[in-house]
N, C-alpha and C. Protein backbone atom coordinates (compact mmCIF):
# COMPACT_ATOMS: atom_id res chain seq x y z
N MET A 1 -3.28 -14.46 1.61
CA MET A 1 -3.44 -13.46 1.07
C MET A 1 -2.74 -13.80 -0.29
N ASN A 2 -3.35 -13.88 -1.31
CA ASN A 2 -3.29 -13.21 -2.33
C ASN A 2 -1.96 -12.77 -3.34
N TRP A 3 -0.87 -13.74 -3.74
CA TRP A 3 -0.18 -13.53 -5.02
C TRP A 3 -0.08 -12.17 -5.80
N LEU A 4 -1.62 -12.28 -5.86
CA LEU A 4 -1.27 -11.06 -7.18
C LEU A 4 -1.14 -10.44 -6.52
N ASP A 5 -1.94 -10.22 -5.25
CA ASP A 5 -1.58 -8.21 -4.17
C ASP A 5 -1.05 -7.80 -4.27
N LEU A 6 0.51 -9.05 -3.36
CA LEU A 6 1.93 -9.02 -3.79
C LEU A 6 2.82 -8.48 -4.88
N VAL A 7 2.07 -9.02 -6.16
CA VAL A 7 2.65 -8.07 -6.86
C VAL A 7 2.30 -7.18 -7.59
N SER A 8 1.63 -6.56 -6.92
CA SER A 8 0.67 -4.97 -7.34
C SER A 8 1.45 -4.50 -6.31
N TYR A 9 1.55 -4.51 -5.31
CA TYR A 9 2.44 -3.61 -4.56
C TYR A 9 3.74 -3.24 -4.83
N PHE A 10 4.13 -4.67 -5.24
CA PHE A 10 5.26 -4.97 -5.87
C PHE A 10 5.27 -3.12 -6.92
N PHE A 11 4.44 -3.66 -8.18
CA PHE A 11 4.93 -2.33 -8.79
C PHE A 11 4.42 -1.49 -8.27
N GLY A 12 2.75 -1.12 -7.42
CA GLY A 12 3.18 0.02 -7.34
C GLY A 12 3.30 0.86 -6.32
N GLY A 13 4.86 -0.23 -5.29
CA GLY A 13 6.59 0.31 -4.76
C GLY A 13 7.04 1.59 -6.03
N ALA A 14 7.83 0.21 -7.59
CA ALA A 14 8.20 1.33 -8.20
C ALA A 14 7.25 2.16 -8.79
N PHE A 15 6.12 2.10 -9.67
CA PHE A 15 5.55 3.47 -9.91
C PHE A 15 5.50 5.13 -8.72
N LEU A 16 5.94 4.94 -7.45
CA LEU A 16 5.44 5.36 -6.60
C LEU A 16 7.10 6.38 -6.24
N ALA A 17 7.83 4.96 -6.48
CA ALA A 17 9.89 5.66 -6.10
C ALA A 17 9.76 5.61 -7.80
N ASN A 18 9.32 5.95 -9.06
CA ASN A 18 9.53 6.21 -10.26
C ASN A 18 8.34 8.15 -10.67
N ALA A 19 7.50 8.71 -9.22
CA ALA A 19 7.00 9.10 -9.35
C ALA A 19 7.96 10.69 -8.74
N VAL A 20 8.80 10.08 -7.51
CA VAL A 20 9.73 11.46 -7.38
C VAL A 20 10.71 11.88 -8.15
N PRO A 21 12.07 11.02 -8.57
CA PRO A 21 11.93 12.01 -9.55
C PRO A 21 11.42 12.93 -10.21
N HIS A 22 10.43 12.82 -10.81
CA HIS A 22 9.73 12.94 -11.47
C HIS A 22 8.91 14.36 -11.49
N LEU A 23 8.65 14.69 -10.78
CA LEU A 23 7.87 15.54 -9.44
C LEU A 23 8.49 16.86 -9.23
N VAL A 24 10.01 15.74 -8.95
CA VAL A 24 10.43 16.95 -7.63
C VAL A 24 11.52 18.48 -8.74
N SER A 25 11.59 17.03 -9.47
CA SER A 25 12.52 17.98 -11.06
C SER A 25 11.21 19.11 -11.72
N GLY A 26 9.94 18.64 -11.87
CA GLY A 26 9.51 19.43 -12.73
C GLY A 26 8.59 20.06 -11.42
N LEU A 27 9.09 19.53 -10.17
CA LEU A 27 7.62 21.06 -9.30
C LEU A 27 9.47 22.26 -9.30
N ARG A 28 10.85 22.00 -9.47
CA ARG A 28 11.92 22.55 -9.50
C ARG A 28 12.61 23.83 -10.70
N GLY A 29 11.36 23.08 -11.41
CA GLY A 29 11.18 23.33 -13.07
C GLY A 29 12.37 23.00 -13.34
N GLU A 30 12.83 22.07 -13.20
CA GLU A 30 14.39 22.38 -14.57
C GLU A 30 13.57 20.46 -15.28
N PRO A 31 15.07 19.80 -16.11
CA PRO A 31 13.93 19.25 -17.25
C PRO A 31 14.90 18.23 -16.87
N PHE A 32 14.00 17.19 -16.59
CA PHE A 32 14.87 15.29 -16.78
C PHE A 32 14.08 14.67 -17.70
N GLN A 33 15.17 13.70 -17.86
CA GLN A 33 14.77 12.53 -18.70
C GLN A 33 13.18 12.19 -18.03
N SER A 34 12.88 11.36 -19.42
CA SER A 34 11.20 10.97 -19.12
C SER A 34 10.93 10.46 -20.98
N PRO A 35 9.89 9.05 -21.08
CA PRO A 35 9.38 8.18 -22.03
C PRO A 35 9.60 9.35 -23.02
N PHE A 36 9.09 10.85 -23.00
CA PHE A 36 8.86 10.91 -24.00
C PHE A 36 9.30 12.05 -24.71
N ALA A 37 11.08 11.63 -23.93
CA ALA A 37 11.89 12.53 -25.32
C ALA A 37 12.17 12.06 -25.91
N ARG A 38 13.53 12.81 -26.69
CA ARG A 38 13.81 12.23 -27.82
C ARG A 38 15.71 12.27 -27.75
N PRO A 39 16.51 11.04 -27.33
CA PRO A 39 15.52 10.14 -27.72
C PRO A 39 15.00 9.29 -26.45
N ARG A 40 14.04 8.81 -27.12
CA ARG A 40 13.01 7.92 -25.64
C ARG A 40 13.85 7.17 -24.09
N GLY A 41 13.77 8.36 -22.89
CA GLY A 41 14.52 8.13 -21.76
C GLY A 41 16.05 8.69 -22.09
N GLU A 42 16.54 8.95 -22.16
CA GLU A 42 17.37 9.71 -22.44
C GLU A 42 17.18 10.91 -22.29
N GLY A 43 16.40 11.75 -23.86
CA GLY A 43 17.39 13.29 -24.34
C GLY A 43 15.96 14.44 -22.50
N LEU A 44 16.06 14.93 -22.46
CA LEU A 44 15.46 15.87 -22.01
C LEU A 44 13.85 16.10 -21.99
N SER A 45 12.70 16.15 -20.90
CA SER A 45 11.37 16.34 -21.98
C SER A 45 11.69 17.97 -20.49
N SER A 46 10.63 18.66 -21.32
CA SER A 46 10.13 20.13 -19.93
C SER A 46 9.70 19.58 -18.68
N SER A 47 10.28 20.45 -17.80
CA SER A 47 9.04 20.64 -16.44
C SER A 47 7.53 20.53 -16.32
N THR A 48 6.85 21.11 -17.11
CA THR A 48 5.83 20.11 -17.03
C THR A 48 5.70 18.66 -17.91
N VAL A 49 5.85 18.32 -18.34
CA VAL A 49 6.06 16.89 -18.41
C VAL A 49 6.01 16.07 -17.68
N ASN A 50 7.69 16.42 -17.00
CA ASN A 50 7.73 15.36 -16.01
C ASN A 50 6.28 15.46 -14.65
N VAL A 51 6.27 17.41 -14.28
CA VAL A 51 4.97 17.22 -13.22
C VAL A 51 4.05 15.86 -13.50
N LEU A 52 3.23 16.12 -15.20
CA LEU A 52 2.46 15.15 -15.11
C LEU A 52 2.84 13.44 -15.48
N TRP A 53 3.87 13.36 -15.97
CA TRP A 53 4.32 11.96 -15.58
C TRP A 53 4.72 11.43 -13.97
N GLY A 54 4.75 12.11 -13.37
CA GLY A 54 5.53 11.77 -11.75
C GLY A 54 4.08 12.01 -10.96
N PHE A 55 2.76 12.77 -11.61
CA PHE A 55 1.25 11.85 -11.39
C PHE A 55 0.57 11.24 -11.56
N PHE A 56 1.16 11.05 -12.71
CA PHE A 56 -0.07 9.96 -13.18
C PHE A 56 0.85 8.32 -12.58
N ASN A 57 2.52 8.89 -12.34
CA ASN A 57 3.11 7.43 -12.10
C ASN A 57 2.42 7.45 -10.11
N LEU A 58 2.27 8.83 -9.88
CA LEU A 58 1.58 8.80 -7.70
C LEU A 58 0.13 7.52 -7.95
N ILE A 59 0.18 8.40 -9.44
CA ILE A 59 -1.92 7.79 -9.42
C ILE A 59 -1.85 5.91 -10.02
N VAL A 60 -1.44 6.38 -10.49
CA VAL A 60 -1.29 4.54 -10.77
C VAL A 60 -0.12 3.22 -9.63
N GLY A 61 0.98 4.04 -8.94
CA GLY A 61 0.89 3.23 -7.54
C GLY A 61 0.47 3.24 -6.44
N TYR A 62 -0.86 4.40 -6.34
CA TYR A 62 -1.74 4.83 -5.35
C TYR A 62 -2.89 3.24 -5.44
N VAL A 63 -3.40 3.10 -6.88
CA VAL A 63 -4.03 2.52 -7.14
C VAL A 63 -3.96 0.88 -7.10
N LEU A 64 -2.07 0.73 -7.35
CA LEU A 64 -2.05 -0.92 -7.24
C LEU A 64 -1.50 -1.51 -5.54
N VAL A 65 -1.61 -0.19 -5.05
CA VAL A 65 -1.38 -0.02 -3.58
C VAL A 65 -2.17 -0.51 -2.89
N CYS A 66 -3.66 0.90 -3.06
CA CYS A 66 -4.58 1.18 -2.47
C CYS A 66 -5.59 0.77 -2.09
N ARG A 67 -6.15 0.10 -3.65
CA ARG A 67 -6.49 0.08 -3.99
C ARG A 67 -7.12 -1.38 -4.43
N VAL A 68 -5.89 -2.70 -4.94
CA VAL A 68 -6.23 -3.40 -4.75
C VAL A 68 -5.59 -4.64 -4.06
N GLY A 69 -6.50 -6.03 -2.94
CA GLY A 69 -5.76 -6.41 -1.59
C GLY A 69 -6.48 -4.83 -1.03
N GLU A 70 -5.79 -5.12 0.15
CA GLU A 70 -6.62 -4.36 1.59
C GLU A 70 -4.78 -4.29 2.19
N PHE A 71 -3.81 -4.16 1.73
CA PHE A 71 -2.50 -3.43 1.60
C PHE A 71 -1.72 -3.57 4.14
N ALA A 72 -1.44 -3.54 3.84
CA ALA A 72 -1.43 -3.32 5.28
C ALA A 72 0.19 -2.83 6.25
N LEU A 73 0.56 -1.40 5.91
CA LEU A 73 1.65 -1.28 7.04
C LEU A 73 2.43 -2.49 7.77
N LEU A 74 1.72 -3.03 8.63
CA LEU A 74 1.42 -3.38 9.77
C LEU A 74 2.27 -5.77 8.96
N GLU A 75 1.58 -4.97 7.88
CA GLU A 75 1.75 -7.68 7.47
C GLU A 75 3.41 -6.55 6.64
N THR A 76 4.21 -7.54 7.45
CA THR A 76 6.02 -7.86 6.19
C THR A 76 5.75 -7.98 4.70
N ARG A 77 5.00 -9.04 4.32
CA ARG A 77 4.75 -9.03 3.65
C ARG A 77 4.53 -8.30 2.09
N ASP A 78 3.66 -7.14 3.39
CA ASP A 78 3.19 -5.93 2.06
C ASP A 78 4.18 -5.20 1.75
N VAL A 79 4.67 -4.36 3.03
CA VAL A 79 5.87 -4.19 2.71
C VAL A 79 7.02 -4.15 2.44
N THR A 80 6.91 -5.43 2.46
CA THR A 80 8.53 -6.12 1.69
C THR A 80 8.01 -5.39 0.14
N ALA A 81 7.10 -6.29 -0.39
CA ALA A 81 6.78 -6.05 -1.74
C ALA A 81 6.97 -4.83 -2.53
N LEU A 82 6.05 -3.90 -1.36
CA LEU A 82 5.99 -2.52 -1.83
C LEU A 82 7.84 -2.02 -1.79
N GLY A 83 8.33 -1.99 -1.20
CA GLY A 83 9.71 -1.89 -0.78
C GLY A 83 10.34 -2.65 -2.27
N LEU A 84 10.75 -3.90 -1.93
CA LEU A 84 11.92 -4.05 -3.01
C LEU A 84 11.48 -3.36 -4.64
N GLY A 85 9.96 -3.08 -4.77
CA GLY A 85 9.45 -2.43 -6.12
C GLY A 85 9.85 -1.59 -5.78
N ALA A 86 10.48 -0.25 -5.06
CA ALA A 86 10.34 0.53 -5.20
C ALA A 86 12.26 1.01 -4.56
N LEU A 87 12.70 -0.43 -4.08
CA LEU A 87 14.10 0.03 -4.75
C LEU A 87 14.58 -1.20 -5.55
N LEU A 88 14.39 -2.53 -6.21
CA LEU A 88 14.48 -2.29 -7.90
C LEU A 88 14.62 -0.50 -9.22
N LEU A 89 13.97 -0.38 -8.62
CA LEU A 89 13.12 0.60 -9.76
C LEU A 89 14.57 1.65 -8.81
N SER A 90 14.60 2.07 -7.43
CA SER A 90 15.41 2.80 -7.68
C SER A 90 16.82 2.26 -7.82
N LEU A 91 17.42 1.18 -8.15
CA LEU A 91 18.70 1.06 -8.52
C LEU A 91 18.75 1.73 -9.76
N PHE A 92 17.99 0.71 -10.48
CA PHE A 92 17.95 0.76 -11.75
C PHE A 92 17.93 1.62 -12.41
N CYS A 93 17.00 2.53 -11.47
CA CYS A 93 17.07 4.51 -12.15
C CYS A 93 18.59 4.94 -11.78
N ALA A 94 18.70 4.89 -10.68
CA ALA A 94 20.56 5.62 -10.46
C ALA A 94 21.26 4.99 -11.63
N ARG A 95 21.21 3.80 -11.68
CA ARG A 95 22.89 3.34 -12.44
C ARG A 95 22.11 3.51 -14.02
N HIS A 96 20.88 4.52 -14.55
CA HIS A 96 20.76 4.90 -16.33
C HIS A 96 20.97 6.02 -16.10
N PHE A 97 20.42 6.86 -15.31
CA PHE A 97 20.95 8.53 -15.30
C PHE A 97 21.38 8.63 -14.68
N GLY A 98 22.79 8.08 -14.15
CA GLY A 98 23.55 8.03 -13.13
C GLY A 98 24.79 8.07 -14.82
N ARG A 99 24.68 7.75 -15.12
CA ARG A 99 25.37 8.30 -16.62
C ARG A 99 25.15 9.57 -17.48
N PHE A 100 24.51 10.27 -17.08
CA PHE A 100 23.74 11.45 -17.46
C PHE A 100 24.18 12.19 -16.29
N HIS A 101 24.29 12.08 -15.30
CA HIS A 101 24.96 13.88 -13.63
C HIS A 101 25.64 12.64 -13.33
N GLY A 102 26.35 12.73 -14.26
CA GLY A 102 27.80 11.94 -13.13
C GLY A 102 27.86 11.66 -11.47
N GLY A 103 26.25 10.78 -11.82
CA GLY A 103 26.05 9.41 -10.70
C GLY A 103 27.00 8.22 -10.40
N ASN A 104 27.46 7.43 -11.35
CA ASN A 104 27.76 5.99 -11.81
C ASN A 104 30.01 6.51 -12.11
N THR A 105 30.02 7.79 -10.81
CA THR A 105 32.17 7.85 -11.20
C THR A 105 32.26 6.65 -10.08
N PRO A 106 33.40 6.20 -9.81
CA PRO A 106 33.30 5.16 -8.90
C PRO A 106 34.33 5.72 -8.15
């Protein structure tokens, strides 16, 4: 097992997790924060921009997980790397965007 494969799976998990809120918001026709908004990461982008950004994240996640090495769902190291990437990015996003949507209430 090449450790660079695990790094790829970690970032693949992060990209796949990031695809979810953008695609869901876009498909619902709702604006959501994106790197293309002003101010960056705080302002709202259109639902169309979010669908495109979410789809881009989905493609990058797919490439990092399915086209690098040989990802195996039965291999604990592979799944752990992907899961940690998804979990850490999800926690970051929950804290960052929670301040805009009321998710950081005590």
